[in-house]
Amino acid sequence: MSRIGKQPIEVPDKVTVSFNGANIKVKGPNGELELDHHPLVKVEQKEKEILVTPVDGSNKARALWGLTRTLVGNMVTGVTTGFNKNLEFTGVGYKAAVSGNKLTLNLGYSHPIDYELPQGVTAKVNKTTIELSGADKALVGFVAAKVRSFRPPEPYKGKGIRYADEVILRKAGKAGAKK
């Protein structure tokens, strides 16, 4: 029995949920999200709750039960409060700027990197931090991983782009080998 799947999803007052076969649309103050769920899982709304149940007792249906519940729950959370990812960059001369939906990064290369933010994701830049936010959790995480991949943190001085809660294990370098 799925511990996640059997929990109902609370639907706030300002959120509307509509079903069209295997398609679910969730609309709220932060936008609209859509999901096509697997036919082995049944999703239904009862008053102010969304319930997810497996169609049969097969292993595949039980595996998809908790996944579907989590995806629908993330959709409801995304259109109400949204999701954030914070990135920090460290390095001499490293800069970031946002203009419209374009993130411009100067990361020590001979050229600036212009990254076009996908629709639904916004960025704010403070001195050494980039805050990405949006309604779709997977999309925000993908954009954060993509921006981090432009200059991942290196283990000797810690220069590069890292998640705000990421811990970089530092190496000693040449001086550590002489001891």
N, C-alpha and C. Protein backbone atom coordinates (compact mmCIF):
# COMPACT_ATOMS: atom_id res chain seq x y z
N MET A 1 0.84 -1.18 0.00
CA MET A 1 0.00 0.00 0.00
C MET A 1 0.89 1.24 0.00
N SER A 2 0.64 2.14 -0.92
CA SER A 2 1.45 3.34 -1.04
C SER A 2 1.11 4.33 0.07
N ARG A 3 2.11 4.73 0.83
CA ARG A 3 1.86 5.68 1.90
C ARG A 3 1.62 7.08 1.34
N ILE A 4 2.28 7.39 0.23
CA ILE A 4 2.09 8.70 -0.40
C ILE A 4 0.78 8.70 -1.17
N GLY A 5 0.54 7.66 -1.95
CA GLY A 5 -0.61 7.62 -2.86
C GLY A 5 -1.95 7.69 -2.17
N LYS A 6 -2.06 7.13 -0.97
CA LYS A 6 -3.37 7.11 -0.31
C LYS A 6 -3.72 8.43 0.36
N GLN A 7 -2.79 9.37 0.45
CA GLN A 7 -3.07 10.67 1.05
C GLN A 7 -3.84 11.54 0.06
N PRO A 8 -4.94 12.16 0.49
CA PRO A 8 -5.67 13.04 -0.43
C PRO A 8 -4.92 14.36 -0.63
N ILE A 9 -5.18 15.01 -1.75
CA ILE A 9 -4.56 16.30 -2.07
C ILE A 9 -5.59 17.38 -1.81
N GLU A 10 -5.28 18.29 -0.91
CA GLU A 10 -6.18 19.40 -0.59
C GLU A 10 -6.14 20.42 -1.73
N VAL A 11 -7.32 20.85 -2.19
CA VAL A 11 -7.40 21.85 -3.26
C VAL A 11 -7.82 23.18 -2.64
N PRO A 12 -6.95 24.21 -2.68
CA PRO A 12 -7.31 25.52 -2.13
C PRO A 12 -8.48 26.15 -2.91
N ASP A 13 -9.08 27.18 -2.32
CA ASP A 13 -10.25 27.83 -2.91
C ASP A 13 -9.95 28.47 -4.26
N LYS A 14 -8.77 29.05 -4.43
CA LYS A 14 -8.47 29.77 -5.67
C LYS A 14 -7.93 28.89 -6.79
N VAL A 15 -7.98 27.55 -6.60
CA VAL A 15 -7.48 26.61 -7.60
C VAL A 15 -8.64 25.84 -8.20
N THR A 16 -8.64 25.72 -9.55
CA THR A 16 -9.65 24.91 -10.22
C THR A 16 -8.97 23.74 -10.90
N VAL A 17 -9.61 22.57 -10.79
CA VAL A 17 -9.08 21.35 -11.38
C VAL A 17 -10.10 20.82 -12.36
N SER A 18 -9.65 20.48 -13.57
CA SER A 18 -10.57 19.91 -14.56
C SER A 18 -9.96 18.64 -15.12
N PHE A 19 -10.84 17.66 -15.40
CA PHE A 19 -10.42 16.36 -15.92
C PHE A 19 -11.00 16.16 -17.30
N ASN A 20 -10.19 15.62 -18.20
CA ASN A 20 -10.65 15.27 -19.54
C ASN A 20 -9.99 13.94 -19.90
N GLY A 21 -10.63 12.85 -19.52
CA GLY A 21 -10.05 11.53 -19.75
C GLY A 21 -8.83 11.36 -18.86
N ALA A 22 -7.68 11.12 -19.45
CA ALA A 22 -6.44 10.94 -18.70
C ALA A 22 -5.68 12.26 -18.54
N ASN A 23 -6.29 13.37 -18.93
CA ASN A 23 -5.65 14.68 -18.86
C ASN A 23 -6.18 15.43 -17.65
N ILE A 24 -5.27 16.04 -16.89
CA ILE A 24 -5.64 16.85 -15.72
C ILE A 24 -5.11 18.26 -15.96
N LYS A 25 -5.97 19.27 -15.76
CA LYS A 25 -5.55 20.67 -15.84
C LYS A 25 -5.79 21.31 -14.49
N VAL A 26 -4.76 21.97 -13.97
CA VAL A 26 -4.85 22.68 -12.70
C VAL A 26 -4.56 24.14 -12.99
N LYS A 27 -5.49 25.01 -12.58
CA LYS A 27 -5.37 26.44 -12.85
C LYS A 27 -5.42 27.18 -11.52
N GLY A 28 -4.50 28.12 -11.34
CA GLY A 28 -4.44 28.89 -10.10
C GLY A 28 -3.85 30.26 -10.34
N PRO A 29 -3.55 30.99 -9.26
CA PRO A 29 -3.03 32.35 -9.40
C PRO A 29 -1.66 32.42 -10.08
N ASN A 30 -0.85 31.37 -9.98
CA ASN A 30 0.50 31.40 -10.57
C ASN A 30 0.56 30.79 -11.96
N GLY A 31 -0.57 30.40 -12.53
CA GLY A 31 -0.53 29.85 -13.88
C GLY A 31 -1.40 28.61 -14.02
N GLU A 32 -1.14 27.90 -15.10
CA GLU A 32 -1.91 26.70 -15.43
C GLU A 32 -0.95 25.58 -15.81
N LEU A 33 -1.18 24.40 -15.24
CA LEU A 33 -0.34 23.23 -15.53
C LEU A 33 -1.22 22.09 -16.01
N GLU A 34 -0.62 21.21 -16.80
CA GLU A 34 -1.36 20.12 -17.43
C GLU A 34 -0.55 18.83 -17.30
N LEU A 35 -1.25 17.70 -17.11
CA LEU A 35 -0.59 16.40 -16.96
C LEU A 35 -1.44 15.32 -17.59
N ASP A 36 -0.82 14.44 -18.37
CA ASP A 36 -1.47 13.23 -18.87
C ASP A 36 -1.00 12.08 -17.99
N HIS A 37 -1.92 11.51 -17.21
CA HIS A 37 -1.52 10.44 -16.31
C HIS A 37 -1.74 9.07 -16.95
N HIS A 38 -1.12 8.06 -16.37
CA HIS A 38 -1.16 6.69 -16.89
C HIS A 38 -2.55 6.09 -16.67
N PRO A 39 -3.04 5.26 -17.60
CA PRO A 39 -4.38 4.68 -17.44
C PRO A 39 -4.49 3.65 -16.32
N LEU A 40 -3.38 3.19 -15.75
CA LEU A 40 -3.45 2.26 -14.62
C LEU A 40 -3.78 2.96 -13.30
N VAL A 41 -3.87 4.28 -13.33
CA VAL A 41 -4.18 5.06 -12.13
C VAL A 41 -5.41 5.90 -12.39
N LYS A 42 -6.31 5.95 -11.41
CA LYS A 42 -7.54 6.74 -11.54
C LYS A 42 -7.43 7.97 -10.63
N VAL A 43 -7.69 9.14 -11.20
CA VAL A 43 -7.64 10.40 -10.46
C VAL A 43 -9.03 11.01 -10.49
N GLU A 44 -9.56 11.35 -9.31
CA GLU A 44 -10.90 11.94 -9.24
C GLU A 44 -10.93 13.00 -8.15
N GLN A 45 -11.89 13.92 -8.29
CA GLN A 45 -12.03 14.99 -7.31
C GLN A 45 -13.33 14.78 -6.54
N LYS A 46 -13.23 14.84 -5.22
CA LYS A 46 -14.39 14.77 -4.34
C LYS A 46 -14.37 16.01 -3.47
N GLU A 47 -15.31 16.91 -3.71
CA GLU A 47 -15.42 18.19 -3.02
C GLU A 47 -14.10 18.97 -3.12
N LYS A 48 -13.38 19.17 -2.03
CA LYS A 48 -12.14 19.96 -2.05
C LYS A 48 -10.90 19.07 -1.94
N GLU A 49 -11.00 17.82 -2.41
CA GLU A 49 -9.88 16.90 -2.36
C GLU A 49 -9.74 16.16 -3.68
N ILE A 50 -8.50 15.84 -4.03
CA ILE A 50 -8.23 14.99 -5.19
C ILE A 50 -7.74 13.66 -4.66
N LEU A 51 -8.35 12.57 -5.13
CA LEU A 51 -7.97 11.24 -4.69
C LEU A 51 -7.35 10.48 -5.86
N VAL A 52 -6.27 9.76 -5.59
CA VAL A 52 -5.58 8.96 -6.60
C VAL A 52 -5.67 7.51 -6.14
N THR A 53 -6.14 6.63 -7.02
CA THR A 53 -6.26 5.21 -6.69
C THR A 53 -5.76 4.36 -7.86
N PRO A 54 -5.16 3.20 -7.56
CA PRO A 54 -4.75 2.32 -8.65
C PRO A 54 -5.96 1.59 -9.22
N VAL A 55 -5.94 1.28 -10.51
CA VAL A 55 -7.05 0.59 -11.16
C VAL A 55 -7.10 -0.87 -10.72
N ASP A 56 -5.91 -1.50 -10.62
CA ASP A 56 -5.86 -2.89 -10.17
C ASP A 56 -4.70 -3.05 -9.19
N GLY A 57 -4.42 -4.27 -8.77
CA GLY A 57 -3.38 -4.52 -7.78
C GLY A 57 -2.03 -4.89 -8.37
N SER A 58 -1.81 -4.62 -9.66
CA SER A 58 -0.54 -5.00 -10.28
C SER A 58 0.60 -4.14 -9.73
N ASN A 59 1.82 -4.67 -9.85
CA ASN A 59 2.99 -3.93 -9.37
C ASN A 59 3.16 -2.61 -10.11
N LYS A 60 2.90 -2.60 -11.41
CA LYS A 60 3.03 -1.38 -12.22
C LYS A 60 2.05 -0.30 -11.73
N ALA A 61 0.80 -0.72 -11.48
CA ALA A 61 -0.22 0.24 -11.02
C ALA A 61 0.14 0.78 -9.64
N ARG A 62 0.64 -0.06 -8.77
CA ARG A 62 1.01 0.40 -7.43
C ARG A 62 2.23 1.30 -7.49
N ALA A 63 3.15 1.05 -8.43
CA ALA A 63 4.32 1.91 -8.58
C ALA A 63 3.92 3.30 -9.09
N LEU A 64 2.95 3.33 -10.00
CA LEU A 64 2.50 4.61 -10.57
C LEU A 64 1.58 5.39 -9.64
N TRP A 65 1.04 4.73 -8.63
CA TRP A 65 0.08 5.34 -7.71
C TRP A 65 0.72 6.52 -6.96
N GLY A 66 1.82 6.27 -6.27
CA GLY A 66 2.49 7.33 -5.52
C GLY A 66 3.09 8.39 -6.42
N LEU A 67 3.61 7.97 -7.57
CA LEU A 67 4.18 8.93 -8.52
C LEU A 67 3.12 9.92 -9.00
N THR A 68 1.97 9.39 -9.40
CA THR A 68 0.90 10.25 -9.92
C THR A 68 0.41 11.20 -8.84
N ARG A 69 0.28 10.70 -7.61
CA ARG A 69 -0.19 11.55 -6.51
C ARG A 69 0.80 12.69 -6.27
N THR A 70 2.10 12.38 -6.32
CA THR A 70 3.12 13.40 -6.11
C THR A 70 3.12 14.42 -7.25
N LEU A 71 2.97 13.97 -8.49
CA LEU A 71 2.95 14.90 -9.62
C LEU A 71 1.75 15.84 -9.54
N VAL A 72 0.58 15.30 -9.21
CA VAL A 72 -0.62 16.14 -9.09
C VAL A 72 -0.48 17.09 -7.90
N GLY A 73 0.06 16.60 -6.79
CA GLY A 73 0.29 17.45 -5.63
C GLY A 73 1.25 18.59 -5.93
N ASN A 74 2.30 18.30 -6.71
CA ASN A 74 3.24 19.36 -7.11
C ASN A 74 2.58 20.37 -8.04
N MET A 75 1.64 19.92 -8.86
CA MET A 75 0.92 20.85 -9.73
C MET A 75 0.08 21.82 -8.90
N VAL A 76 -0.62 21.31 -7.90
CA VAL A 76 -1.46 22.15 -7.04
C VAL A 76 -0.59 23.13 -6.25
N THR A 77 0.53 22.65 -5.72
CA THR A 77 1.45 23.52 -4.98
C THR A 77 2.06 24.57 -5.91
N GLY A 78 2.39 24.18 -7.12
CA GLY A 78 3.01 25.10 -8.07
C GLY A 78 2.12 26.25 -8.47
N VAL A 79 0.83 25.99 -8.71
CA VAL A 79 -0.06 27.07 -9.13
C VAL A 79 -0.50 27.94 -7.96
N THR A 80 -0.28 27.49 -6.71
CA THR A 80 -0.63 28.33 -5.57
C THR A 80 0.57 29.11 -5.06
N THR A 81 1.66 28.42 -4.68
CA THR A 81 2.82 29.11 -4.12
C THR A 81 4.02 29.14 -5.05
N GLY A 82 4.17 28.17 -5.92
CA GLY A 82 5.30 28.12 -6.84
C GLY A 82 6.51 27.45 -6.21
N PHE A 83 7.55 27.27 -7.01
CA PHE A 83 8.79 26.63 -6.56
C PHE A 83 9.97 27.54 -6.87
N ASN A 84 10.98 27.49 -5.99
CA ASN A 84 12.18 28.31 -6.14
C ASN A 84 13.42 27.44 -6.09
N LYS A 85 14.43 27.82 -6.84
CA LYS A 85 15.77 27.23 -6.74
C LYS A 85 16.74 28.39 -6.67
N ASN A 86 17.64 28.34 -5.70
CA ASN A 86 18.64 29.39 -5.54
C ASN A 86 20.01 28.84 -5.93
N LEU A 87 20.70 29.59 -6.77
CA LEU A 87 22.06 29.25 -7.19
C LEU A 87 23.00 30.36 -6.73
N GLU A 88 24.21 29.97 -6.34
CA GLU A 88 25.23 30.95 -5.95
C GLU A 88 26.42 30.78 -6.89
N PHE A 89 27.02 31.89 -7.28
CA PHE A 89 28.23 31.79 -8.11
C PHE A 89 29.37 32.49 -7.42
N THR A 90 30.56 31.86 -7.53
CA THR A 90 31.76 32.35 -6.88
C THR A 90 32.89 32.34 -7.89
N GLY A 91 33.60 33.44 -7.98
CA GLY A 91 34.75 33.52 -8.88
C GLY A 91 35.07 34.97 -9.19
N VAL A 92 36.31 35.24 -9.48
CA VAL A 92 36.73 36.60 -9.79
C VAL A 92 36.15 37.01 -11.13
N GLY A 93 35.40 38.09 -11.13
CA GLY A 93 34.83 38.62 -12.36
C GLY A 93 33.56 37.92 -12.82
N TYR A 94 33.04 36.98 -12.05
CA TYR A 94 31.81 36.29 -12.44
C TYR A 94 30.63 37.23 -12.20
N LYS A 95 29.79 37.37 -13.23
CA LYS A 95 28.63 38.25 -13.13
C LYS A 95 27.43 37.59 -13.80
N ALA A 96 26.25 38.02 -13.38
CA ALA A 96 25.01 37.55 -14.00
C ALA A 96 24.06 38.72 -14.10
N ALA A 97 23.22 38.72 -15.15
CA ALA A 97 22.23 39.77 -15.34
C ALA A 97 21.03 39.17 -16.07
N VAL A 98 19.85 39.74 -15.78
CA VAL A 98 18.62 39.30 -16.42
C VAL A 98 18.02 40.48 -17.17
N SER A 99 17.65 40.23 -18.42
CA SER A 99 16.92 41.24 -19.19
C SER A 99 15.81 40.51 -19.93
N GLY A 100 14.57 40.77 -19.52
CA GLY A 100 13.44 40.06 -20.12
C GLY A 100 13.47 38.61 -19.72
N ASN A 101 13.51 37.73 -20.71
CA ASN A 101 13.60 36.30 -20.41
C ASN A 101 14.97 35.74 -20.80
N LYS A 102 15.99 36.58 -20.79
CA LYS A 102 17.34 36.17 -21.14
C LYS A 102 18.26 36.36 -19.93
N LEU A 103 18.96 35.28 -19.57
CA LEU A 103 19.93 35.31 -18.48
C LEU A 103 21.32 35.37 -19.11
N THR A 104 22.07 36.43 -18.80
CA THR A 104 23.42 36.61 -19.34
C THR A 104 24.42 36.34 -18.23
N LEU A 105 25.34 35.41 -18.49
CA LEU A 105 26.32 35.00 -17.50
C LEU A 105 27.73 35.26 -18.01
N ASN A 106 28.55 35.92 -17.20
CA ASN A 106 29.98 36.08 -17.47
C ASN A 106 30.70 35.20 -16.46
N LEU A 107 31.25 34.08 -16.92
CA LEU A 107 31.79 33.08 -16.01
C LEU A 107 33.26 32.75 -16.28
N GLY A 108 34.00 33.74 -16.72
CA GLY A 108 35.42 33.53 -16.92
C GLY A 108 35.79 32.99 -18.29
N TYR A 109 34.82 32.76 -19.14
CA TYR A 109 35.12 32.34 -20.50
C TYR A 109 35.41 33.58 -21.35
N SER A 110 35.84 33.38 -22.59
CA SER A 110 36.15 34.50 -23.45
C SER A 110 34.90 35.17 -24.00
N HIS A 111 33.73 34.59 -23.73
CA HIS A 111 32.48 35.11 -24.25
C HIS A 111 31.40 35.02 -23.16
N PRO A 112 30.43 35.91 -23.18
CA PRO A 112 29.31 35.76 -22.24
C PRO A 112 28.37 34.66 -22.71
N ILE A 113 27.67 34.04 -21.77
CA ILE A 113 26.71 32.99 -22.08
C ILE A 113 25.31 33.60 -21.96
N ASP A 114 24.56 33.57 -23.06
CA ASP A 114 23.18 34.04 -23.05
C ASP A 114 22.26 32.82 -23.03
N TYR A 115 21.49 32.67 -21.96
CA TYR A 115 20.58 31.54 -21.83
C TYR A 115 19.15 32.05 -21.86
N GLU A 116 18.39 31.55 -22.81
CA GLU A 116 16.98 31.93 -22.97
C GLU A 116 16.16 31.12 -21.97
N LEU A 117 15.52 31.81 -21.02
CA LEU A 117 14.70 31.12 -20.02
C LEU A 117 13.41 30.62 -20.67
N PRO A 118 13.01 29.38 -20.40
CA PRO A 118 11.76 28.88 -20.97
C PRO A 118 10.56 29.60 -20.36
N GLN A 119 9.46 29.57 -21.07
CA GLN A 119 8.25 30.23 -20.59
C GLN A 119 7.78 29.53 -19.32
N GLY A 120 7.47 30.31 -18.30
CA GLY A 120 7.04 29.75 -17.03
C GLY A 120 8.11 29.81 -15.95
N VAL A 121 9.33 30.22 -16.32
CA VAL A 121 10.41 30.34 -15.35
C VAL A 121 10.91 31.78 -15.37
N THR A 122 11.04 32.37 -14.19
CA THR A 122 11.58 33.74 -14.07
C THR A 122 12.84 33.70 -13.23
N ALA A 123 13.71 34.66 -13.45
CA ALA A 123 14.98 34.72 -12.72
C ALA A 123 15.16 36.10 -12.13
N LYS A 124 15.76 36.13 -10.93
CA LYS A 124 16.17 37.38 -10.29
C LYS A 124 17.63 37.21 -9.92
N VAL A 125 18.41 38.26 -10.12
CA VAL A 125 19.82 38.20 -9.81
C VAL A 125 20.14 39.23 -8.74
N ASN A 126 20.72 38.77 -7.64
CA ASN A 126 21.32 39.64 -6.63
C ASN A 126 22.82 39.45 -6.77
N LYS A 127 23.62 40.18 -6.04
CA LYS A 127 25.06 40.22 -6.26
C LYS A 127 25.67 38.89 -6.68
N THR A 128 25.56 37.87 -5.85
CA THR A 128 26.18 36.58 -6.19
C THR A 128 25.18 35.43 -6.18
N THR A 129 23.90 35.73 -6.29
CA THR A 129 22.89 34.67 -6.28
C THR A 129 21.93 34.83 -7.46
N ILE A 130 21.45 33.72 -7.94
CA ILE A 130 20.43 33.69 -8.99
C ILE A 130 19.25 32.93 -8.40
N GLU A 131 18.08 33.55 -8.39
CA GLU A 131 16.88 32.89 -7.88
C GLU A 131 15.96 32.59 -9.04
N LEU A 132 15.72 31.30 -9.27
CA LEU A 132 14.82 30.85 -10.33
C LEU A 132 13.50 30.46 -9.70
N SER A 133 12.39 30.87 -10.30
CA SER A 133 11.09 30.53 -9.74
C SER A 133 10.10 30.26 -10.86
N GLY A 134 9.11 29.43 -10.54
CA GLY A 134 8.08 29.08 -11.51
C GLY A 134 7.08 28.12 -10.90
N ALA A 135 6.05 27.78 -11.66
CA ALA A 135 4.99 26.91 -11.16
C ALA A 135 5.31 25.44 -11.37
N ASP A 136 6.08 25.10 -12.40
CA ASP A 136 6.38 23.71 -12.73
C ASP A 136 7.69 23.30 -12.04
N LYS A 137 7.59 22.40 -11.07
CA LYS A 137 8.76 22.00 -10.29
C LYS A 137 9.84 21.38 -11.15
N ALA A 138 9.46 20.51 -12.07
CA ALA A 138 10.43 19.84 -12.93
C ALA A 138 11.14 20.83 -13.84
N LEU A 139 10.42 21.80 -14.37
CA LEU A 139 11.02 22.78 -15.27
C LEU A 139 11.98 23.70 -14.51
N VAL A 140 11.61 24.12 -13.31
CA VAL A 140 12.50 24.97 -12.51
C VAL A 140 13.78 24.21 -12.17
N GLY A 141 13.65 22.94 -11.80
CA GLY A 141 14.82 22.12 -11.50
C GLY A 141 15.70 21.90 -12.71
N PHE A 142 15.07 21.69 -13.88
CA PHE A 142 15.84 21.51 -15.12
C PHE A 142 16.64 22.77 -15.46
N VAL A 143 16.00 23.94 -15.35
CA VAL A 143 16.69 25.20 -15.68
C VAL A 143 17.83 25.43 -14.70
N ALA A 144 17.61 25.13 -13.41
CA ALA A 144 18.68 25.30 -12.42
C ALA A 144 19.86 24.39 -12.75
N ALA A 145 19.59 23.15 -13.13
CA ALA A 145 20.67 22.22 -13.49
C ALA A 145 21.40 22.68 -14.74
N LYS A 146 20.66 23.22 -15.70
CA LYS A 146 21.27 23.70 -16.94
C LYS A 146 22.19 24.90 -16.67
N VAL A 147 21.72 25.85 -15.85
CA VAL A 147 22.54 27.03 -15.52
C VAL A 147 23.78 26.59 -14.75
N ARG A 148 23.63 25.64 -13.83
CA ARG A 148 24.77 25.14 -13.06
C ARG A 148 25.79 24.46 -13.98
N SER A 149 25.31 23.81 -15.05
CA SER A 149 26.21 23.08 -15.94
C SER A 149 27.13 24.01 -16.75
N PHE A 150 26.82 25.30 -16.83
CA PHE A 150 27.68 26.21 -17.58
C PHE A 150 29.05 26.37 -16.92
N ARG A 151 29.11 26.30 -15.59
CA ARG A 151 30.38 26.35 -14.86
C ARG A 151 30.17 25.64 -13.52
N PRO A 152 30.24 24.29 -13.51
CA PRO A 152 30.07 23.57 -12.25
C PRO A 152 31.17 23.92 -11.25
N PRO A 153 30.91 23.80 -9.98
CA PRO A 153 31.94 24.16 -8.99
C PRO A 153 33.13 23.21 -9.06
N GLU A 154 34.32 23.78 -8.93
CA GLU A 154 35.53 22.95 -8.97
C GLU A 154 35.98 22.70 -7.53
N PRO A 155 36.67 21.58 -7.29
CA PRO A 155 36.94 21.16 -5.91
C PRO A 155 38.12 21.85 -5.22
N TYR A 156 38.91 22.65 -5.92
CA TYR A 156 40.10 23.23 -5.29
C TYR A 156 39.82 24.59 -4.66
N LYS A 157 39.23 25.50 -5.39
CA LYS A 157 38.91 26.81 -4.83
C LYS A 157 37.41 27.01 -4.65
N GLY A 158 36.58 26.12 -5.21
CA GLY A 158 35.13 26.24 -5.08
C GLY A 158 34.52 27.22 -6.07
N LYS A 159 35.28 27.61 -7.10
CA LYS A 159 34.76 28.55 -8.08
C LYS A 159 33.72 27.87 -8.96
N GLY A 160 32.70 28.62 -9.36
CA GLY A 160 31.68 28.10 -10.25
C GLY A 160 30.29 28.39 -9.72
N ILE A 161 29.30 27.75 -10.33
CA ILE A 161 27.91 27.92 -9.92
C ILE A 161 27.48 26.68 -9.16
N ARG A 162 26.89 26.91 -7.99
CA ARG A 162 26.41 25.79 -7.18
C ARG A 162 25.04 26.12 -6.62
N TYR A 163 24.32 25.07 -6.20
CA TYR A 163 23.05 25.29 -5.52
C TYR A 163 23.34 25.93 -4.16
N ALA A 164 22.38 26.69 -3.63
CA ALA A 164 22.61 27.41 -2.38
C ALA A 164 22.84 26.45 -1.21
N ASP A 165 22.22 25.27 -1.25
CA ASP A 165 22.37 24.33 -0.15
C ASP A 165 23.39 23.22 -0.46
N GLU A 166 24.14 23.37 -1.55
CA GLU A 166 25.12 22.36 -1.95
C GLU A 166 26.43 22.56 -1.19
N VAL A 167 27.02 21.45 -0.75
CA VAL A 167 28.30 21.50 -0.06
C VAL A 167 29.36 20.97 -1.01
N ILE A 168 30.41 21.75 -1.23
CA ILE A 168 31.49 21.36 -2.12
C ILE A 168 32.62 20.78 -1.26
N LEU A 169 32.98 19.53 -1.51
CA LEU A 169 34.10 18.92 -0.81
C LEU A 169 35.39 19.44 -1.45
N ARG A 170 36.21 20.08 -0.65
CA ARG A 170 37.41 20.71 -1.17
C ARG A 170 38.60 19.77 -1.08
N LYS A 171 39.47 19.85 -2.09
CA LYS A 171 40.70 19.06 -2.11
C LYS A 171 41.87 19.93 -1.65
N ALA A 172 42.92 19.29 -1.19
CA ALA A 172 44.06 20.02 -0.64
C ALA A 172 44.89 20.68 -1.72
N GLY A 173 45.03 20.06 -2.88
CA GLY A 173 45.87 20.62 -3.93
C GLY A 173 47.32 20.18 -3.79
N LYS A 174 48.24 20.90 -4.44
CA LYS A 174 49.65 20.52 -4.46
C LYS A 174 50.27 20.63 -3.07
N ALA A 175 49.90 21.64 -2.31
CA ALA A 175 50.52 21.87 -0.99
C ALA A 175 50.18 20.74 -0.03
N GLY A 176 49.02 20.09 -0.22
CA GLY A 176 48.62 19.01 0.68
C GLY A 176 49.43 17.76 0.47
N ALA A 177 50.04 17.55 -0.69
CA ALA A 177 50.79 16.34 -0.98
C ALA A 177 52.16 16.35 -0.31
N LYS A 178 52.70 17.52 0.03
CA LYS A 178 54.04 17.62 0.62
C LYS A 178 54.08 17.25 2.10
N LYS A 179 52.93 17.23 2.75
CA LYS A 179 52.91 16.98 4.20
C LYS A 179 53.19 15.57 4.55
